[in-house]
PDB file of all heavy atoms in Angstrom:
ATOM      1  N   LYS A   1       3.223  54.476   9.126  1.00  0.00           N
ATOM      2  CA  LYS A   1       4.210  54.220  10.166  1.00  0.00           C
ATOM      3  C   LYS A   1       3.794  53.039  11.035  1.00  0.00           C
ATOM      4  O   LYS A   1       4.429  52.740  12.032  1.00  0.00           O
ATOM      5  CB  LYS A   1       4.382  55.474  11.030  1.00  0.00           C
ATOM      6  CG  LYS A   1       4.978  56.659  10.265  1.00  0.00           C
ATOM      7  CD  LYS A   1       5.135  57.867  11.172  1.00  0.00           C
ATOM      8  CE  LYS A   1       5.736  59.047  10.405  1.00  0.00           C
ATOM      9  NZ  LYS A   1       5.880  60.247  11.251  1.00  0.00           N
ATOM     10  N   ASN A   2       2.704  52.379  10.639  1.00  0.00           N
ATOM     11  CA  ASN A   2       2.200  51.248  11.401  1.00  0.00           C
ATOM     12  C   ASN A   2       2.542  49.953  10.666  1.00  0.00           C
ATOM     13  O   ASN A   2       1.942  49.640   9.646  1.00  0.00           O
ATOM     14  CB  ASN A   2       0.680  51.368  11.569  1.00  0.00           C
ATOM     15  CG  ASN A   2       0.118  50.303  12.499  1.00  0.00           C
ATOM     16  OD1 ASN A   2       0.617  49.186  12.559  1.00  0.00           O
ATOM     17  ND2 ASN A   2      -0.937  50.662  13.216  1.00  0.00           N
ATOM     18  N   PRO A   3       3.508  49.168  11.128  1.00  0.00           N
ATOM     19  CA  PRO A   3       3.930  47.965  10.414  1.00  0.00           C
ATOM     20  C   PRO A   3       2.830  46.920  10.297  1.00  0.00           C
ATOM     21  O   PRO A   3       2.763  46.189   9.316  1.00  0.00           O
ATOM     22  CB  PRO A   3       5.106  47.447  11.262  1.00  0.00           C
ATOM     23  CG  PRO A   3       4.914  48.057  12.605  1.00  0.00           C
ATOM     24  CD  PRO A   3       4.285  49.391  12.365  1.00  0.00           C
ATOM     25  N   ILE A   4       1.940  46.849  11.308  1.00  0.00           N
ATOM     26  CA  ILE A   4       0.840  45.881  11.244  1.00  0.00           C
ATOM     27  C   ILE A   4      -0.141  46.286  10.160  1.00  0.00           C
ATOM     28  O   ILE A   4      -0.610  45.468   9.371  1.00  0.00           O
ATOM     29  CB  ILE A   4       0.129  45.785  12.613  1.00  0.00           C
ATOM     30  CG1 ILE A   4       1.107  45.238  13.654  1.00  0.00           C
ATOM     31  CG2 ILE A   4      -1.098  44.884  12.521  1.00  0.00           C
ATOM     32  CD1 ILE A   4       0.582  45.236  15.065  1.00  0.00           C
ATOM     33  N   LEU A   5      -0.448  47.582  10.104  1.00  0.00           N
ATOM     34  CA  LEU A   5      -1.353  48.076   9.073  1.00  0.00           C
ATOM     35  C   LEU A   5      -0.760  47.838   7.687  1.00  0.00           C
ATOM     36  O   LEU A   5      -1.461  47.430   6.758  1.00  0.00           O
ATOM     37  CB  LEU A   5      -1.619  49.570   9.282  1.00  0.00           C
ATOM     38  CG  LEU A   5      -2.577  50.251   8.290  1.00  0.00           C
ATOM     39  CD1 LEU A   5      -3.931  49.572   8.322  1.00  0.00           C
ATOM     40  CD2 LEU A   5      -2.719  51.725   8.621  1.00  0.00           C
ATOM     41  N   ASP A   6       0.531  48.065   7.541  1.00  0.00           N
ATOM     42  CA  ASP A   6       1.180  47.837   6.254  1.00  0.00           C
ATOM     43  C   ASP A   6       1.136  46.361   5.868  1.00  0.00           C
ATOM     44  O   ASP A   6       0.982  46.018   4.700  1.00  0.00           O
ATOM     45  CB  ASP A   6       2.634  48.319   6.295  1.00  0.00           C
ATOM     46  CG  ASP A   6       2.735  49.838   6.366  1.00  0.00           C
ATOM     47  OD1 ASP A   6       1.789  50.491   5.911  1.00  0.00           O
ATOM     48  OD2 ASP A   6       3.741  50.344   6.880  1.00  0.00           O
ATOM     49  N   TRP A   7       1.275  45.496   6.873  1.00  0.00           N
ATOM     50  CA  TRP A   7       1.226  44.060   6.585  1.00  0.00           C
ATOM     51  C   TRP A   7      -0.158  43.637   6.114  1.00  0.00           C
ATOM     52  O   TRP A   7      -0.306  42.791   5.235  1.00  0.00           O
ATOM     53  CB  TRP A   7       1.608  43.270   7.834  1.00  0.00           C
ATOM     54  CG  TRP A   7       1.679  41.783   7.576  1.00  0.00           C
ATOM     55  CD1 TRP A   7       2.676  41.088   6.974  1.00  0.00           C
ATOM     56  CD2 TRP A   7       0.673  40.817   7.911  1.00  0.00           C
ATOM     57  NE1 TRP A   7       2.360  39.751   6.916  1.00  0.00           N
ATOM     58  CE2 TRP A   7       1.141  39.555   7.479  1.00  0.00           C
ATOM     59  CE3 TRP A   7      -0.582  40.895   8.535  1.00  0.00           C
ATOM     60  CZ2 TRP A   7       0.420  38.381   7.649  1.00  0.00           C
ATOM     61  CZ3 TRP A   7      -1.304  39.728   8.702  1.00  0.00           C
ATOM     62  CH2 TRP A   7      -0.805  38.496   8.267  1.00  0.00           C
ATOM     63  N   LEU A   8      -1.191  44.231   6.710  1.00  0.00           N
ATOM     64  CA  LEU A   8      -2.560  43.877   6.350  1.00  0.00           C
ATOM     65  C   LEU A   8      -3.018  44.549   5.062  1.00  0.00           C
ATOM     66  O   LEU A   8      -3.996  44.138   4.462  1.00  0.00           O
ATOM     67  CB  LEU A   8      -3.516  44.246   7.501  1.00  0.00           C
ATOM     68  CG  LEU A   8      -3.397  43.375   8.751  1.00  0.00           C
ATOM     69  CD1 LEU A   8      -4.220  43.958   9.874  1.00  0.00           C
ATOM     70  CD2 LEU A   8      -3.836  41.946   8.461  1.00  0.00           C
ATOM     71  N   THR A   9      -2.343  45.601   4.630  1.00  0.00           N
ATOM     72  CA  THR A   9      -2.702  46.291   3.394  1.00  0.00           C
ATOM     73  C   THR A   9      -1.463  46.435   2.512  1.00  0.00           C
ATOM     74  O   THR A   9      -0.993  47.539   2.267  1.00  0.00           O
ATOM     75  CB  THR A   9      -3.302  47.677   3.693  1.00  0.00           C
ATOM     76  OG1 THR A   9      -2.350  48.431   4.458  1.00  0.00           O
ATOM     77  CG2 THR A   9      -4.585  47.567   4.462  1.00  0.00           C
ATOM     78  N   PRO A  10      -0.913  45.343   2.054  1.00  0.00           N
ATOM     79  CA  PRO A  10       0.347  45.388   1.321  1.00  0.00           C
ATOM     80  C   PRO A  10       0.175  45.808  -0.130  1.00  0.00           C
ATOM     81  O   PRO A  10      -0.922  45.792  -0.675  1.00  0.00           O
ATOM     82  CB  PRO A  10       0.822  43.942   1.389  1.00  0.00           C
ATOM     83  CG  PRO A  10      -0.462  43.167   1.359  1.00  0.00           C
ATOM     84  CD  PRO A  10      -1.446  43.992   2.159  1.00  0.00           C
ATOM     85  N   GLU A  11       1.314  46.201  -0.745  1.00  0.00           N
ATOM     86  CA  GLU A  11       1.293  46.479  -2.175  1.00  0.00           C
ATOM     87  C   GLU A  11       1.110  45.184  -2.955  1.00  0.00           C
ATOM     88  O   GLU A  11       0.464  45.144  -3.981  1.00  0.00           O
ATOM     89  CB  GLU A  11       2.600  47.180  -2.588  1.00  0.00           C
ATOM     90  CG  GLU A  11       2.731  48.591  -2.034  1.00  0.00           C
ATOM     91  CD  GLU A  11       1.605  49.500  -2.476  1.00  0.00           C
ATOM     92  OE1 GLU A  11       1.195  49.434  -3.650  1.00  0.00           O
ATOM     93  OE2 GLU A  11       1.114  50.280  -1.650  1.00  0.00           O
ATOM     94  N   ARG A  12       1.698  44.118  -2.438  1.00  0.00           N
ATOM     95  CA  ARG A  12       1.530  42.801  -3.033  1.00  0.00           C
ATOM     96  C   ARG A  12       0.643  41.971  -2.121  1.00  0.00           C
ATOM     97  O   ARG A  12       0.781  42.039  -0.898  1.00  0.00           O
ATOM     98  CB  ARG A  12       2.893  42.121  -3.213  1.00  0.00           C
ATOM     99  CG  ARG A  12       3.793  42.833  -4.215  1.00  0.00           C
ATOM    100  CD  ARG A  12       5.112  42.104  -4.354  1.00  0.00           C
ATOM    101  NE  ARG A  12       5.991  42.786  -5.288  1.00  0.00           N
ATOM    102  CZ  ARG A  12       7.213  42.365  -5.589  1.00  0.00           C
ATOM    103  NH1 ARG A  12       7.698  41.273  -5.004  1.00  0.00           N
ATOM    104  NH2 ARG A  12       7.955  43.035  -6.453  1.00  0.00           N
ATOM    105  N   PRO A  13      -0.255  41.147  -2.684  1.00  0.00           N
ATOM    106  CA  PRO A  13      -1.191  40.392  -1.843  1.00  0.00           C
ATOM    107  C   PRO A  13      -0.491  39.440  -0.878  1.00  0.00           C
ATOM    108  O   PRO A  13       0.433  38.731  -1.255  1.00  0.00           O
ATOM    109  CB  PRO A  13      -2.024  39.605  -2.865  1.00  0.00           C
ATOM    110  CG  PRO A  13      -1.849  40.337  -4.152  1.00  0.00           C
ATOM    111  CD  PRO A  13      -0.477  40.932  -4.109  1.00  0.00           C
ATOM    112  N   ASN A  14      -0.945  39.456   0.396  1.00  0.00           N
ATOM    113  CA  ASN A  14      -0.515  38.433   1.341  1.00  0.00           C
ATOM    114  C   ASN A  14      -1.691  37.496   1.564  1.00  0.00           C
ATOM    115  O   ASN A  14      -2.711  37.584   0.876  1.00  0.00           O
ATOM    116  CB  ASN A  14      -0.004  39.051   2.653  1.00  0.00           C
ATOM    117  CG  ASN A  14      -1.101  39.787   3.395  1.00  0.00           C
ATOM    118  OD1 ASN A  14      -2.289  39.679   3.078  1.00  0.00           O
ATOM    119  ND2 ASN A  14      -0.718  40.553   4.393  1.00  0.00           N
ATOM    120  N   ILE A  15      -1.589  36.597   2.530  1.00  0.00           N
ATOM    121  CA  ILE A  15      -2.641  35.594   2.690  1.00  0.00           C
ATOM    122  C   ILE A  15      -3.984  36.221   3.078  1.00  0.00           C
ATOM    123  O   ILE A  15      -5.049  35.786   2.631  1.00  0.00           O
ATOM    124  CB  ILE A  15      -2.221  34.511   3.711  1.00  0.00           C
ATOM    125  CG1 ILE A  15      -3.246  33.371   3.704  1.00  0.00           C
ATOM    126  CG2 ILE A  15      -2.029  35.106   5.108  1.00  0.00           C
ATOM    127  CD1 ILE A  15      -2.778  32.142   4.462  1.00  0.00           C
ATOM    128  N   ILE A  16      -3.959  37.280   3.912  1.00  0.00           N
ATOM    129  CA  ILE A  16      -5.199  37.971   4.277  1.00  0.00           C
ATOM    130  C   ILE A  16      -5.829  38.587   3.043  1.00  0.00           C
ATOM    131  O   ILE A  16      -7.038  38.488   2.803  1.00  0.00           O
ATOM    132  CB  ILE A  16      -4.935  39.071   5.334  1.00  0.00           C
ATOM    133  CG1 ILE A  16      -4.378  38.466   6.626  1.00  0.00           C
ATOM    134  CG2 ILE A  16      -6.213  39.858   5.619  1.00  0.00           C
ATOM    135  CD1 ILE A  16      -5.359  37.681   7.435  1.00  0.00           C
ATOM    136  N   ASP A  17      -5.011  39.224   2.227  1.00  0.00           N
ATOM    137  CA  ASP A  17      -5.461  39.826   0.979  1.00  0.00           C
ATOM    138  C   ASP A  17      -6.140  38.800   0.081  1.00  0.00           C
ATOM    139  O   ASP A  17      -7.220  39.031  -0.463  1.00  0.00           O
ATOM    140  CB  ASP A  17      -4.248  40.409   0.241  1.00  0.00           C
ATOM    141  CG  ASP A  17      -4.444  41.861  -0.129  1.00  0.00           C
ATOM    142  OD1 ASP A  17      -5.311  42.509   0.478  1.00  0.00           O
ATOM    143  OD2 ASP A  17      -3.718  42.345  -1.016  1.00  0.00           O
ATOM    144  N   VAL A  18      -5.488  37.670  -0.095  1.00  0.00           N
ATOM    145  CA  VAL A  18      -5.992  36.627  -0.988  1.00  0.00           C
ATOM    146  C   VAL A  18      -7.337  36.100  -0.500  1.00  0.00           C
ATOM    147  O   VAL A  18      -8.303  35.997  -1.268  1.00  0.00           O
ATOM    148  CB  VAL A  18      -4.973  35.471  -1.101  1.00  0.00           C
ATOM    149  CG1 VAL A  18      -5.583  34.285  -1.852  1.00  0.00           C
ATOM    150  CG2 VAL A  18      -3.711  35.944  -1.814  1.00  0.00           C
ATOM    151  N   ILE A  19      -7.408  35.768   0.788  1.00  0.00           N
ATOM    152  CA  ILE A  19      -8.650  35.232   1.341  1.00  0.00           C
ATOM    153  C   ILE A  19      -9.760  36.274   1.280  1.00  0.00           C
ATOM    154  O   ILE A  19     -10.891  35.978   0.873  1.00  0.00           O
ATOM    155  CB  ILE A  19      -8.433  34.768   2.795  1.00  0.00           C
ATOM    156  CG1 ILE A  19      -7.482  33.574   2.830  1.00  0.00           C
ATOM    157  CG2 ILE A  19      -9.769  34.403   3.450  1.00  0.00           C
ATOM    158  CD1 ILE A  19      -7.041  33.174   4.227  1.00  0.00           C
ATOM    159  N   GLU A  20      -9.448  37.498   1.692  1.00  0.00           N
ATOM    160  CA  GLU A  20     -10.445  38.560   1.723  1.00  0.00           C
ATOM    161  C   GLU A  20     -11.023  38.816   0.331  1.00  0.00           C
ATOM    162  O   GLU A  20     -12.243  38.866   0.145  1.00  0.00           O
ATOM    163  CB  GLU A  20      -9.817  39.835   2.276  1.00  0.00           C
ATOM    164  CG  GLU A  20     -10.762  41.012   2.372  1.00  0.00           C
ATOM    165  CD  GLU A  20     -10.063  42.238   2.920  1.00  0.00           C
ATOM    166  OE1 GLU A  20      -9.085  42.694   2.299  1.00  0.00           O
ATOM    167  OE2 GLU A  20     -10.504  42.737   3.966  1.00  0.00           O
ATOM    168  N   ASN A  21     -10.153  38.973  -0.659  1.00  0.00           N
ATOM    169  CA  ASN A  21     -10.628  39.217  -2.020  1.00  0.00           C
ATOM    170  C   ASN A  21     -11.492  38.070  -2.517  1.00  0.00           C
ATOM    171  O   ASN A  21     -12.550  38.288  -3.135  1.00  0.00           O
ATOM    172  CB  ASN A  21      -9.443  39.420  -2.963  1.00  0.00           C
ATOM    173  CG  ASN A  21      -8.843  40.802  -2.860  1.00  0.00           C
ATOM    174  OD1 ASN A  21      -9.040  41.495  -1.867  1.00  0.00           O
ATOM    175  ND2 ASN A  21      -8.095  41.216  -3.866  1.00  0.00           N
ATOM    176  N   ALA A  22     -11.037  36.842  -2.270  1.00  0.00           N
ATOM    177  CA  ALA A  22     -11.790  35.677  -2.731  1.00  0.00           C
ATOM    178  C   ALA A  22     -13.170  35.620  -2.087  1.00  0.00           C
ATOM    179  O   ALA A  22     -14.176  35.351  -2.764  1.00  0.00           O
ATOM    180  CB  ALA A  22     -11.004  34.400  -2.415  1.00  0.00           C
ATOM    181  N   VAL A  23     -13.219  35.893  -0.778  1.00  0.00           N
ATOM    182  CA  VAL A  23     -14.496  35.851  -0.061  1.00  0.00           C
ATOM    183  C   VAL A  23     -15.461  36.910  -0.596  1.00  0.00           C
ATOM    184  O   VAL A  23     -16.638  36.622  -0.860  1.00  0.00           O
ATOM    185  CB  VAL A  23     -14.270  36.041   1.457  1.00  0.00           C
ATOM    186  CG1 VAL A  23     -15.590  36.335   2.171  1.00  0.00           C
ATOM    187  CG2 VAL A  23     -13.619  34.805   2.052  1.00  0.00           C
ATOM    188  N   PHE A  24     -14.972  38.145  -0.771  1.00  0.00           N
ATOM    189  CA  PHE A  24     -15.863  39.198  -1.250  1.00  0.00           C
ATOM    190  C   PHE A  24     -16.320  38.953  -2.683  1.00  0.00           C
ATOM    191  O   PHE A  24     -17.480  39.224  -3.036  1.00  0.00           O
ATOM    192  CB  PHE A  24     -15.183  40.568  -1.135  1.00  0.00           C
ATOM    193  CG  PHE A  24     -15.339  41.203   0.220  1.00  0.00           C
ATOM    194  CD1 PHE A  24     -14.285  41.247   1.115  1.00  0.00           C
ATOM    195  CD2 PHE A  24     -16.554  41.745   0.607  1.00  0.00           C
ATOM    196  CE1 PHE A  24     -14.431  41.824   2.369  1.00  0.00           C
ATOM    197  CE2 PHE A  24     -16.715  42.321   1.855  1.00  0.00           C
ATOM    198  CZ  PHE A  24     -15.648  42.356   2.741  1.00  0.00           C
ATOM    199  N   MET A  25     -15.438  38.439  -3.533  1.00  0.00           N
ATOM    200  CA  MET A  25     -15.832  38.116  -4.912  1.00  0.00           C
ATOM    201  C   MET A  25     -16.913  37.042  -4.918  1.00  0.00           C
ATOM    202  O   MET A  25     -17.905  37.138  -5.646  1.00  0.00           O
ATOM    203  CB  MET A  25     -14.612  37.633  -5.701  1.00  0.00           C
ATOM    204  CG  MET A  25     -13.599  38.707  -6.026  1.00  0.00           C
ATOM    205  SD  MET A  25     -12.138  37.969  -6.814  1.00  0.00           S
ATOM    206  CE  MET A  25     -11.074  39.425  -6.954  1.00  0.00           C
ATOM    207  N   MET A  26     -16.714  36.015  -4.115  1.00  0.00           N
ATOM    208  CA  MET A  26     -17.680  34.923  -4.025  1.00  0.00           C
ATOM    209  C   MET A  26     -19.022  35.429  -3.506  1.00  0.00           C
ATOM    210  O   MET A  26     -20.085  35.127  -4.066  1.00  0.00           O
ATOM    211  CB  MET A  26     -17.131  33.846  -3.085  1.00  0.00           C
ATOM    212  CG  MET A  26     -18.110  32.739  -2.749  1.00  0.00           C
ATOM    213  SD  MET A  26     -17.511  31.723  -1.386  1.00  0.00           S
ATOM    214  CE  MET A  26     -17.624  32.890  -0.012  1.00  0.00           C
ATOM    215  N   GLN A  27     -18.963  36.233  -2.423  1.00  0.00           N
ATOM    216  CA  GLN A  27     -20.202  36.738  -1.833  1.00  0.00           C
ATOM    217  C   GLN A  27     -20.984  37.620  -2.807  1.00  0.00           C
ATOM    218  O   GLN A  27     -22.220  37.558  -2.850  1.00  0.00           O
ATOM    219  CB  GLN A  27     -19.893  37.506  -0.547  1.00  0.00           C
ATOM    220  CG  GLN A  27     -19.461  36.605   0.593  1.00  0.00           C
ATOM    221  CD  GLN A  27     -19.362  37.310   1.925  1.00  0.00           C
ATOM    222  OE1 GLN A  27     -19.279  36.667   2.969  1.00  0.00           O
ATOM    223  NE2 GLN A  27     -19.354  38.625   1.918  1.00  0.00           N
ATOM    224  N   LEU A  28     -20.271  38.429  -3.565  1.00  0.00           N
ATOM    225  CA  LEU A  28     -20.948  39.307  -4.515  1.00  0.00           C
ATOM    226  C   LEU A  28     -21.688  38.493  -5.570  1.00  0.00           C
ATOM    227  O   LEU A  28     -22.837  38.795  -5.898  1.00  0.00           O
ATOM    228  CB  LEU A  28     -19.938  40.247  -5.182  1.00  0.00           C
ATOM    229  CG  LEU A  28     -20.519  41.235  -6.200  1.00  0.00           C
ATOM    230  CD1 LEU A  28     -21.588  42.114  -5.552  1.00  0.00           C
ATOM    231  CD2 LEU A  28     -19.416  42.095  -6.802  1.00  0.00           C
ATOM    232  N   GLN A  29     -21.060  37.458  -6.098  1.00  0.00           N
ATOM    233  CA  GLN A  29     -21.694  36.622  -7.116  1.00  0.00           C
ATOM    234  C   GLN A  29     -22.928  35.913  -6.559  1.00  0.00           C
ATOM    235  O   GLN A  29     -23.989  35.868  -7.197  1.00  0.00           O
ATOM    236  CB  GLN A  29     -20.691  35.587  -7.645  1.00  0.00           C
ATOM    237  CG  GLN A  29     -19.523  36.176  -8.410  1.00  0.00           C
ATOM    238  CD  GLN A  29     -19.955  36.936  -9.654  1.00  0.00           C
ATOM    239  OE1 GLN A  29     -20.850  36.498 -10.383  1.00  0.00           O
ATOM    240  NE2 GLN A  29     -19.358  38.089  -9.881  1.00  0.00           N
ATOM    241  N   ILE A  30     -22.796  35.349  -5.357  1.00  0.00           N
ATOM    242  CA  ILE A  30     -23.935  34.646  -4.745  1.00  0.00           C
ATOM    243  C   ILE A  30     -25.057  35.624  -4.439  1.00  0.00           C
ATOM    244  O   ILE A  30     -26.241  35.328  -4.665  1.00  0.00           O
ATOM    245  CB  ILE A  30     -23.489  33.927  -3.458  1.00  0.00           C
ATOM    246  CG1 ILE A  30     -22.460  32.839  -3.776  1.00  0.00           C
ATOM    247  CG2 ILE A  30     -24.691  33.311  -2.739  1.00  0.00           C
ATOM    248  CD1 ILE A  30     -21.842  32.203  -2.546  1.00  0.00           C
ATOM    249  N   THR A  31     -24.700  36.802  -3.934  1.00  0.00           N
ATOM    250  CA  THR A  31     -25.708  37.806  -3.587  1.00  0.00           C
ATOM    251  C   THR A  31     -26.511  38.225  -4.814  1.00  0.00           C
ATOM    252  O   THR A  31     -27.741  38.348  -4.755  1.00  0.00           O
ATOM    253  CB  THR A  31     -25.040  39.035  -2.945  1.00  0.00           C
ATOM    254  OG1 THR A  31     -24.442  38.643  -1.707  1.00  0.00           O
ATOM    255  CG2 THR A  31     -26.061  40.128  -2.669  1.00  0.00           C
ATOM    256  N   GLU A  32     -25.834  38.460  -5.927  1.00  0.00           N
ATOM    257  CA  GLU A  32     -26.527  38.865  -7.155  1.00  0.00           C
ATOM    258  C   GLU A  32     -27.543  37.801  -7.583  1.00  0.00           C
ATOM    259  O   GLU A  32     -28.669  38.121  -7.976  1.00  0.00           O
ATOM    260  CB  GLU A  32     -25.522  39.113  -8.282  1.00  0.00           C
ATOM    261  CG  GLU A  32     -24.626  40.315  -8.067  1.00  0.00           C
ATOM    262  CD  GLU A  32     -25.363  41.649  -8.150  1.00  0.00           C
ATOM    263  OE1 GLU A  32     -26.562  41.665  -8.495  1.00  0.00           O
ATOM    264  OE2 GLU A  32     -24.746  42.684  -7.856  1.00  0.00           O
ATOM    265  N   LYS A  33     -27.151  36.549  -7.481  1.00  0.00           N
ATOM    266  CA  LYS A  33     -28.063  35.459  -7.858  1.00  0.00           C
ATOM    267  C   LYS A  33     -29.226  35.361  -6.874  1.00  0.00           C
ATOM    268  O   LYS A  33     -30.374  35.133  -7.260  1.00  0.00           O
ATOM    269  CB  LYS A  33     -27.294  34.143  -7.918  1.00  0.00           C
ATOM    270  CG  LYS A  33     -26.293  34.078  -9.061  1.00  0.00           C
ATOM    271  CD  LYS A  33     -25.498  32.778  -9.055  1.00  0.00           C
ATOM    272  CE  LYS A  33     -24.488  32.765 -10.203  1.00  0.00           C
ATOM    273  NZ  LYS A  33     -23.656  31.529 -10.183  1.00  0.00           N
ATOM    274  N   ASN A  34     -28.916  35.531  -5.588  1.00  0.00           N
ATOM    275  CA  ASN A  34     -29.971  35.451  -4.573  1.00  0.00           C
ATOM    276  C   ASN A  34     -30.979  36.589  -4.697  1.00  0.00           C
ATOM    277  O   ASN A  34     -32.182  36.404  -4.469  1.00  0.00           O
ATOM    278  CB  ASN A  34     -29.359  35.461  -3.168  1.00  0.00           C
ATOM    279  CG  ASN A  34     -28.717  34.135  -2.806  1.00  0.00           C
ATOM    280  OD1 ASN A  34     -28.834  33.165  -3.544  1.00  0.00           O
ATOM    281  ND2 ASN A  34     -28.033  34.088  -1.678  1.00  0.00           N
ATOM    282  N   ILE A  35     -30.493  37.776  -5.069  1.00  0.00           N
ATOM    283  CA  ILE A  35     -31.389  38.921  -5.238  1.00  0.00           C
ATOM    284  C   ILE A  35     -32.393  38.657  -6.364  1.00  0.00           C
ATOM    285  O   ILE A  35     -33.565  39.020  -6.274  1.00  0.00           O
ATOM    286  CB  ILE A  35     -30.584  40.205  -5.518  1.00  0.00           C
ATOM    287  CG1 ILE A  35     -29.871  40.679  -4.242  1.00  0.00           C
ATOM    288  CG2 ILE A  35     -31.494  41.325  -6.040  1.00  0.00           C
ATOM    289  CD1 ILE A  35     -28.928  41.838  -4.457  1.00  0.00           C
TER     290      ILE A  35
END
């Protein structure tokens, strides 16, 4: 019932979704190499 929450967690990716996923994917790859 929270429109802001729905916007930030959509069924289809929005700009926050795209950036967030890209950042976490990138960080995971770099972290594995750094470890």
